């Protein structure tokens, strides 16, 4: 579920801007969310 949302966001960002920095930002955001989820589940 989380990854579906992440993929949808990153694909949307690439489609709208064509800029790879948006994709990189989405990846960074994804990492921080995964970290939060991991902390919450530990």
C-alpha atoms as a PDB file:
ATOM      1  CA  UNK A   1       0.000   0.000   0.000  1.00  0.00           C
ATOM      2  CA  UNK A   2       2.745   2.454   0.994  1.00  0.00           C
ATOM      3  CA  UNK A   3       4.865   1.614  -2.031  1.00  0.00           C
ATOM      4  CA  UNK A   4       1.885   1.948  -4.377  1.00  0.00           C
ATOM      5  CA  UNK A   5       1.424   5.480  -3.090  1.00  0.00           C
ATOM      6  CA  UNK A   6       5.121   6.256  -3.382  1.00  0.00           C
ATOM      7  CA  UNK A   7       5.252   4.994  -6.968  1.00  0.00           C
ATOM      8  CA  UNK A   8       2.171   6.985  -7.905  1.00  0.00           C
ATOM      9  CA  UNK A   9       3.705  10.152  -6.430  1.00  0.00           C
ATOM     10  CA  UNK A  10       7.073   9.685  -8.130  1.00  0.00           C
ATOM     11  CA  UNK A  11       5.570   8.841 -11.518  1.00  0.00           C
ATOM     12  CA  UNK A  12       3.294  11.854 -11.227  1.00  0.00           C
ATOM     13  CA  UNK A  13       6.229  14.127 -10.384  1.00  0.00           C
ATOM     14  CA  UNK A  14       8.256  12.908 -13.355  1.00  0.00           C
ATOM     15  CA  UNK A  15       5.272  13.287 -15.684  1.00  0.00           C
ATOM     16  CA  UNK A  16       4.484  16.821 -14.568  1.00  0.00           C
ATOM     17  CA  UNK A  17       7.977  18.271 -14.406  1.00  0.00           C
ATOM     18  CA  UNK A  18      10.270  15.940 -16.321  1.00  0.00           C
ATOM     19  CA  UNK A  19      12.861  16.818 -13.704  1.00  0.00           C
ATOM     20  CA  UNK A  20      14.845  14.067 -12.011  1.00  0.00           C
ATOM     21  CA  UNK A  21      15.306  16.149  -8.846  1.00  0.00           C
ATOM     22  CA  UNK A  22      11.619  15.639  -8.066  1.00  0.00           C
ATOM     23  CA  UNK A  23      12.148  11.912  -8.329  1.00  0.00           C
ATOM     24  CA  UNK A  24      15.168  12.135  -6.042  1.00  0.00           C
ATOM     25  CA  UNK A  25      13.138  14.165  -3.529  1.00  0.00           C
ATOM     26  CA  UNK A  26      10.407  11.529  -3.640  1.00  0.00           C
ATOM     27  CA  UNK A  27      12.988   8.835  -2.896  1.00  0.00           C
ATOM     28  CA  UNK A  28      14.341  10.809   0.054  1.00  0.00           C
ATOM     29  CA  UNK A  29      10.802  11.301   1.356  1.00  0.00           C
ATOM     30  CA  UNK A  30      10.166   7.595   0.915  1.00  0.00           C
ATOM     31  CA  UNK A  31      13.248   6.734   2.943  1.00  0.00           C
ATOM     32  CA  UNK A  32      12.262   8.994   5.812  1.00  0.00           C
ATOM     33  CA  UNK A  33       8.730   7.564   5.865  1.00  0.00           C
ATOM     34  CA  UNK A  34      10.092   4.006   5.912  1.00  0.00           C
ATOM     35  CA  UNK A  35      12.343   5.014   8.800  1.00  0.00           C
ATOM     36  CA  UNK A  36       9.361   6.421  10.726  1.00  0.00           C
ATOM     37  CA  UNK A  37       7.335   3.260  10.072  1.00  0.00           C
ATOM     38  CA  UNK A  38      10.252   1.077  11.199  1.00  0.00           C
ATOM     39  CA  UNK A  39      10.642   3.077  14.414  1.00  0.00           C
ATOM     40  CA  UNK A  40       6.920   2.896  15.123  1.00  0.00           C
ATOM     41  CA  UNK A  41       6.906  -0.881  14.635  1.00  0.00           C
ATOM     42  CA  UNK A  42       9.998  -1.578  16.740  1.00  0.00           C
END
